[in-house]
C-alpha cells in the first residue's frame, strides 16, 4: 500500500482530536478524566513518516546526533568512533530512531558507566563483527541513555514491544484492504458485547452421586459422594489415603501425587457428612483389577 500524502492531511483529524481531549478531557460515567499525551508509539517507518524526516538508510539518518553514515557493501554503516555533536531543535534534520527494550538500572549514578560501555561496544564492533555491522540500529545504542534520563525510568518500562505485539491481534481483525478501520472497530465491538457466558454452572465443578462426577480428593482423604442433601451438605464414603494402596511405586509412590488404588468393597471407608468446601479437587475413578484407580484432575475446585 502506498503511503498517504501529504502527511498533514493524513494526521489532521488525529491531531485535532488529541488537542481537543487534552483541553477538555474525557467524561466517562460522570467522571471527567484529564488526558495527557506522554508519547506517540511508532515503528521505524511510521516515525520517519510522521515527522517528515529521513529514514535510517539516509547518510544523515540519526536524529540524535550529527553522525554521517557510509555505504559499505550496500549497507549504511556508522564507522566513525568520534563523538558527534547532539542535534538541537534548531539543527533538527530528517531522521528517526528505533525502540529497543533493555533492562536499565534505576540508579542514576551508573548511567554514565552504561553509556560508556555501550559506546565502547559500538566502537569496537567492527573488529569482531565486520565493517558492515554498525548499521543504524547499532549506532543508536549510544543514545539509549538519553531515553532513560528523559523519561526517568528504565528502558524496559518504555519499551514499545507491547504495542508491537498487540499489532498482531489487530492485524487478525482485518480480512481485506477495504475499510480496515471499520473492520477493526466492528471486531472490537463484537469482543466487548459478545462475551462468552459466565454462568456459575460453567465456572464451578459439578458434584453428583454418579460415579463419573462423585469422586473427590480431600485433605489426605478420598471421598465418594453418595447423597446430596437439601441443605447443601454431602453424604460421602471417605477413605484415608493411608488406607488406600499405591497404584505404582516407580519412579515414586503414587500416593505422593494423590494417585491411589482402592478395593471395590471399601471396607475401610467411613460414612461422613461433608461441606462442599471440603472438596479440594475432583478425581477420575476408573475400574482397575478388583477395585478402582483414582486419578486427581489438574485444577482445584475453584
Protein backbone atom coordinates (compact mmCIF):
# COMPACT_ATOMS: atom_id res chain seq x y z
CA UNK A 1 0.00 0.00 0.00
CA UNK A 2 1.20 3.49 -0.86
CA UNK A 3 1.80 5.91 1.98
CA UNK A 4 -0.81 8.66 2.17
CA UNK A 5 0.28 12.13 1.12
CA UNK A 6 0.54 14.76 2.39
CA UNK A 7 1.12 13.68 5.98
CA UNK A 8 -0.51 16.85 7.31
CA UNK A 9 -3.86 15.87 5.79
CA UNK A 10 -3.48 12.26 6.89
CA UNK A 11 -2.88 13.18 10.56
CA UNK A 12 -5.11 16.26 10.70
CA UNK A 13 -8.12 14.54 12.32
CA UNK A 14 -5.92 12.76 14.86
CA UNK A 15 -4.08 15.92 15.85
CA UNK A 16 -7.30 17.89 16.24
CA UNK A 17 -8.84 15.17 18.42
CA UNK A 18 -5.73 14.90 20.61
CA UNK A 19 -5.66 18.65 21.13
CA UNK A 20 -9.36 18.66 21.99
CA UNK A 21 -9.24 15.84 24.55
CA UNK A 22 -6.17 17.34 26.22
CA UNK A 23 -8.03 20.62 26.62
CA UNK A 24 -11.41 19.19 27.66
CA UNK A 25 -10.60 15.73 28.99
CA UNK A 26 -12.83 12.66 28.61
CA UNK A 27 -16.01 12.14 30.62
CA UNK A 28 -16.99 8.56 31.44
CA UNK A 29 -19.84 7.54 33.75
CA UNK A 30 -19.99 11.03 35.22
CA UNK A 31 -16.26 11.25 35.90
CA UNK A 32 -14.03 13.69 34.00
CA UNK A 33 -10.60 12.25 33.22
CA UNK A 34 -7.68 14.51 32.39
CA UNK A 35 -5.74 13.35 29.34
CA UNK A 36 -2.06 13.99 28.75
CA UNK A 37 -0.14 12.63 25.78
CA UNK A 38 3.18 11.31 27.01
CA UNK A 39 4.38 9.63 23.83
CA UNK A 40 3.22 8.53 20.40
CA UNK A 41 4.31 4.97 19.68
CA UNK A 42 5.51 4.34 16.13
CA UNK A 43 7.62 1.74 14.41
CA UNK A 44 10.61 2.93 12.40
CA UNK A 45 8.90 3.72 9.08
CA UNK A 46 5.93 5.35 10.80
CA UNK A 47 8.19 7.53 12.91
CA UNK A 48 10.04 8.83 9.89
CA UNK A 49 6.75 9.34 8.05
CA UNK A 50 5.01 11.19 10.90
CA UNK A 51 7.97 13.50 11.47
CA UNK A 52 8.58 14.07 7.76
CA UNK A 53 12.19 13.10 8.31
CA UNK A 54 14.74 10.93 6.58
CA UNK A 55 14.85 7.24 7.29
CA UNK A 56 17.66 5.09 8.58
CA UNK A 57 19.05 4.46 5.10
CA UNK A 58 19.98 8.12 4.69
CA UNK A 59 23.52 9.38 5.17
CA UNK A 60 22.30 11.71 7.92
CA UNK A 61 19.95 9.13 9.37
CA UNK A 62 20.46 9.72 13.10
CA UNK A 63 18.09 12.20 14.74
CA UNK A 64 20.06 12.29 17.96
CA UNK A 65 23.46 13.38 16.65
CA UNK A 66 25.16 14.61 13.50
CA UNK A 67 26.93 11.35 12.66
CA UNK A 68 27.24 10.65 8.95
CA UNK A 69 26.84 7.12 7.61
CA UNK A 70 28.96 5.44 4.95
CA UNK A 71 27.77 2.93 2.39
CA UNK A 72 29.59 -0.41 2.74
CA UNK A 73 28.53 -3.42 0.67
CA UNK A 74 25.11 -1.90 0.11
CA UNK A 75 24.52 -1.11 3.79
CA UNK A 76 24.60 2.25 5.54
CA UNK A 77 27.03 1.91 8.45
CA UNK A 78 28.43 4.28 11.05
CA UNK A 79 32.14 3.56 11.12
CA UNK A 80 33.48 6.67 12.86
CA UNK A 81 34.43 6.38 16.54
CA UNK A 82 34.20 10.11 17.13
CA UNK A 83 31.70 11.69 19.50
CA UNK A 84 29.35 13.78 17.41
CA UNK A 85 27.52 16.92 18.43
CA UNK A 86 23.95 16.34 19.52
CA UNK A 87 21.17 17.74 17.39
CA UNK A 88 19.15 20.64 18.73
CA UNK A 89 15.70 21.88 17.77
CA UNK A 90 17.32 24.45 15.51
CA UNK A 91 19.50 21.88 13.79
CA UNK A 92 16.94 19.11 13.76
CA UNK A 93 17.04 17.39 10.40
CA UNK A 94 15.29 14.43 8.80
CA UNK A 95 15.86 11.33 10.89
CA UNK A 96 14.38 8.56 13.15
CA UNK A 97 15.31 6.11 15.92
CA UNK A 98 14.29 2.56 16.72
CA UNK A 99 12.86 1.39 20.04
CA UNK A 100 14.77 -1.26 21.93
CA UNK A 101 13.89 -2.98 25.18
CA UNK A 102 16.81 -3.20 27.60
CA UNK A 103 16.79 -3.64 31.35
CA UNK A 104 18.33 -0.45 32.67
CA UNK A 105 19.29 0.29 36.24
CA UNK A 106 17.24 2.90 38.05
CA UNK A 107 20.39 4.04 39.82
CA UNK A 108 21.35 7.19 38.00
CA UNK A 109 24.95 7.14 39.20
CA UNK A 110 25.73 4.16 36.96
CA UNK A 111 24.01 5.53 33.86
CA UNK A 112 27.25 7.15 32.73
CA UNK A 113 29.03 3.82 33.06
CA UNK A 114 26.36 2.15 30.96
CA UNK A 115 26.70 4.90 28.39
CA UNK A 116 30.47 4.38 28.22
CA UNK A 117 30.10 0.61 27.88
CA UNK A 118 27.57 0.91 25.07
CA UNK A 119 29.81 3.34 23.23
CA UNK A 120 32.76 1.01 23.75
CA UNK A 121 30.74 -1.88 22.29
CA UNK A 122 29.68 0.14 19.25
CA UNK A 123 33.19 1.49 18.64
CA UNK A 124 34.74 -1.98 18.81
CA UNK A 125 32.01 -3.86 16.97
CA UNK A 126 33.69 -3.75 13.57
CA UNK A 127 36.72 -5.58 14.95
CA UNK A 128 34.61 -8.59 15.93
CA UNK A 129 31.66 -8.50 13.53
CA UNK A 130 32.97 -6.80 10.42
CA UNK A 131 32.70 -3.44 8.73
CA UNK A 132 29.02 -3.87 7.85
CA UNK A 133 27.89 -4.47 11.44
CA UNK A 134 27.48 -0.92 12.85
CA UNK A 135 24.28 -0.09 10.97
CA UNK A 136 21.76 2.45 12.21
CA UNK A 137 20.30 0.26 15.00
CA UNK A 138 23.75 -0.46 16.41
CA UNK A 139 24.74 3.19 16.24
CA UNK A 140 21.52 4.10 18.08
CA UNK A 141 22.61 2.09 21.13
CA UNK A 142 24.79 5.04 22.06
CA UNK A 143 21.68 7.19 22.52
CA UNK A 144 19.65 4.85 24.73
CA UNK A 145 20.85 6.52 27.92
CA UNK A 146 19.15 9.70 26.73
CA UNK A 147 15.75 7.99 26.81
CA UNK A 148 16.35 6.65 30.31
CA UNK A 149 17.30 10.12 31.52
CA UNK A 150 14.44 11.82 29.69
CA UNK A 151 11.66 9.54 30.98
CA UNK A 152 13.34 8.89 34.36
CA UNK A 153 12.77 5.14 34.17
CA UNK A 154 14.33 2.01 32.77
CA UNK A 155 14.17 1.33 29.05
CA UNK A 156 12.20 -1.79 29.87
CA UNK A 157 9.42 0.46 31.19
CA UNK A 158 9.22 2.45 27.96
CA UNK A 159 9.63 -0.44 25.56
CA UNK A 160 7.35 -0.39 22.53
CA UNK A 161 7.21 -4.18 22.33
CA UNK A 162 3.75 -4.45 23.99
CA UNK A 163 2.37 -2.22 21.25
CA UNK A 164 4.19 -4.19 18.57
CA UNK A 165 2.82 -7.46 19.94
CA UNK A 166 -0.72 -6.08 20.03
CA UNK A 167 -0.42 -5.23 16.35
CA UNK A 168 -0.71 -8.96 15.62
CA UNK A 169 -4.13 -9.05 17.28
CA UNK A 170 -5.23 -6.00 15.28
CA UNK A 171 -4.00 -7.49 12.01
CA UNK A 172 -6.10 -10.60 12.59
CA UNK A 173 -9.20 -8.41 12.73
CA UNK A 174 -8.65 -7.20 9.17
CA UNK A 175 -9.78 -9.52 6.37
CA UNK A 176 -9.16 -7.26 3.38
CA UNK A 177 -7.65 -3.92 2.44
CA UNK A 178 -11.04 -2.26 2.14
CA UNK A 179 -12.12 -0.13 5.12
CA UNK A 180 -9.59 -1.59 7.61
CA UNK A 181 -10.52 0.84 10.40
CA UNK A 182 -14.20 -0.09 10.14
CA UNK A 183 -13.30 -3.78 10.32
CA UNK A 184 -11.18 -3.29 13.44
CA UNK A 185 -13.90 -1.19 15.07
CA UNK A 186 -16.54 -3.85 14.45
CA UNK A 187 -14.36 -6.68 15.73
CA UNK A 188 -13.61 -4.76 18.93
CA UNK A 189 -17.32 -4.06 19.41
CA UNK A 190 -18.05 -7.77 18.97
CA UNK A 191 -15.48 -8.67 21.61
CA UNK A 192 -17.00 -6.19 24.07
CA UNK A 193 -20.66 -7.08 23.57
CA UNK A 194 -20.49 -10.76 22.59
CA UNK A 195 -18.62 -12.06 25.61
CA UNK A 196 -18.95 -15.77 26.48
CA UNK A 197 -21.33 -16.86 29.20
CA UNK A 198 -20.01 -16.52 32.74
CA UNK A 199 -22.74 -18.53 34.48
CA UNK A 200 -21.59 -20.05 37.73
CA UNK A 201 -22.53 -23.51 36.48
CA UNK A 202 -19.74 -23.21 33.95
CA UNK A 203 -17.20 -21.89 36.42
CA UNK A 204 -17.73 -24.35 39.26
CA UNK A 205 -17.12 -28.04 39.42
CA UNK A 206 -20.18 -30.30 39.12
CA UNK A 207 -20.88 -32.62 42.06
CA UNK A 208 -23.07 -35.69 41.61
CA UNK A 209 -23.77 -39.05 43.21
CA UNK A 210 -22.90 -40.72 39.91
CA UNK A 211 -19.52 -42.40 39.79
CA UNK A 212 -18.22 -40.16 37.00
CA UNK A 213 -18.85 -36.96 38.99
CA UNK A 214 -18.79 -38.23 42.56
CA UNK A 215 -15.12 -38.86 43.38
CA UNK A 216 -13.13 -36.11 45.10
CA UNK A 217 -9.84 -35.54 46.87
CA UNK A 218 -9.94 -34.11 50.39
CA UNK A 219 -7.05 -33.27 52.68
CA UNK A 220 -5.29 -36.68 52.86
CA UNK A 221 -8.55 -38.47 52.02
CA UNK A 222 -10.67 -39.69 49.10
CA UNK A 223 -14.43 -39.13 49.12
CA UNK A 224 -17.17 -40.87 47.13
CA UNK A 225 -20.39 -38.82 47.19
CA UNK A 226 -23.46 -40.95 47.92
CA UNK A 227 -26.12 -38.33 48.67
CA UNK A 228 -26.72 -34.60 48.18
CA UNK A 229 -28.85 -33.17 50.98
CA UNK A 230 -31.23 -30.27 50.63
CA UNK A 231 -29.20 -28.10 53.00
CA UNK A 232 -26.19 -28.31 50.67
CA UNK A 233 -24.33 -30.89 52.73
CA UNK A 234 -22.93 -34.03 51.13
CA UNK A 235 -23.03 -37.60 52.43
CA UNK A 236 -19.95 -39.50 51.30
CA UNK A 237 -17.88 -42.61 51.90
CA UNK A 238 -14.43 -41.38 52.90
CA UNK A 239 -11.21 -43.38 52.72
CA UNK A 240 -7.95 -42.17 54.22
CA UNK A 241 -5.09 -42.11 51.74
CA UNK A 242 -3.07 -44.09 54.25
CA UNK A 243 -5.65 -46.91 53.96
CA UNK A 244 -5.56 -46.89 50.16
CA UNK A 245 -2.87 -48.63 48.11
CA UNK A 246 -0.24 -47.28 45.75
CA UNK A 247 -1.20 -47.80 42.13
CA UNK A 248 2.52 -47.84 41.27
CA UNK A 249 5.75 -47.44 43.20
CA UNK A 250 8.19 -46.34 40.49
CA UNK A 251 9.54 -43.74 39.86
CA UNK A 252 7.81 -42.74 43.11
CA UNK A 253 4.95 -43.95 45.26
CA UNK A 254 1.74 -42.94 43.53
CA UNK A 255 0.07 -41.67 46.70
CA UNK A 256 2.64 -38.88 46.86
CA UNK A 257 0.73 -37.31 43.96
CA UNK A 258 -2.73 -38.43 45.17
CA UNK A 259 -2.97 -41.33 42.74
CA UNK A 260 -4.26 -44.41 44.55
CA UNK A 261 -5.90 -47.82 44.23
CA UNK A 262 -8.91 -48.68 46.40
CA UNK A 263 -10.59 -52.05 46.74
CA UNK A 264 -14.10 -52.49 45.42
CA UNK A 265 -15.61 -53.41 48.79
CA UNK A 266 -14.24 -50.29 50.50
CA UNK A 267 -14.30 -51.94 53.90
CA UNK A 268 -12.15 -49.18 55.37
CA UNK A 269 -14.48 -46.39 54.20
CA UNK A 270 -16.36 -44.26 56.74
CA UNK A 271 -19.74 -42.64 56.03
CA UNK A 272 -19.50 -38.91 56.79
CA UNK A 273 -21.32 -35.65 56.18
CA UNK A 274 -19.17 -33.10 54.35
CA UNK A 275 -19.38 -29.46 53.39
CA UNK A 276 -18.76 -28.73 49.75
CA UNK A 277 -15.81 -26.51 50.64
CA UNK A 278 -14.01 -29.61 51.97
CA UNK A 279 -13.76 -30.96 48.42
CA UNK A 280 -10.36 -29.83 47.22
CA UNK A 281 -10.08 -31.47 43.81
CA UNK A 282 -12.18 -33.62 41.55
CA UNK A 283 -10.86 -37.08 40.67
CA UNK A 284 -11.41 -39.70 38.00
CA UNK A 285 -12.44 -43.12 39.30
CA UNK A 286 -11.67 -45.90 36.81
CA UNK A 287 -12.26 -49.66 37.19
CA UNK A 288 -8.95 -51.42 37.67
CA UNK A 289 -8.26 -55.04 38.63
CA UNK A 290 -10.55 -55.85 41.60
CA UNK A 291 -11.12 -52.22 42.55
CA UNK A 292 -10.71 -48.68 41.31
CA UNK A 293 -7.82 -46.46 40.26
CA UNK A 294 -8.12 -42.85 41.45
CA UNK A 295 -6.54 -40.03 39.42
CA UNK A 296 -6.95 -36.40 40.57
CA UNK A 297 -7.71 -33.80 37.93
CA UNK A 298 -5.26 -30.99 37.37
CA UNK A 299 -7.14 -28.00 38.78
CA UNK A 300 -8.66 -27.28 42.15
CA UNK A 301 -12.41 -26.92 42.64
CA UNK A 302 -12.37 -23.13 42.23
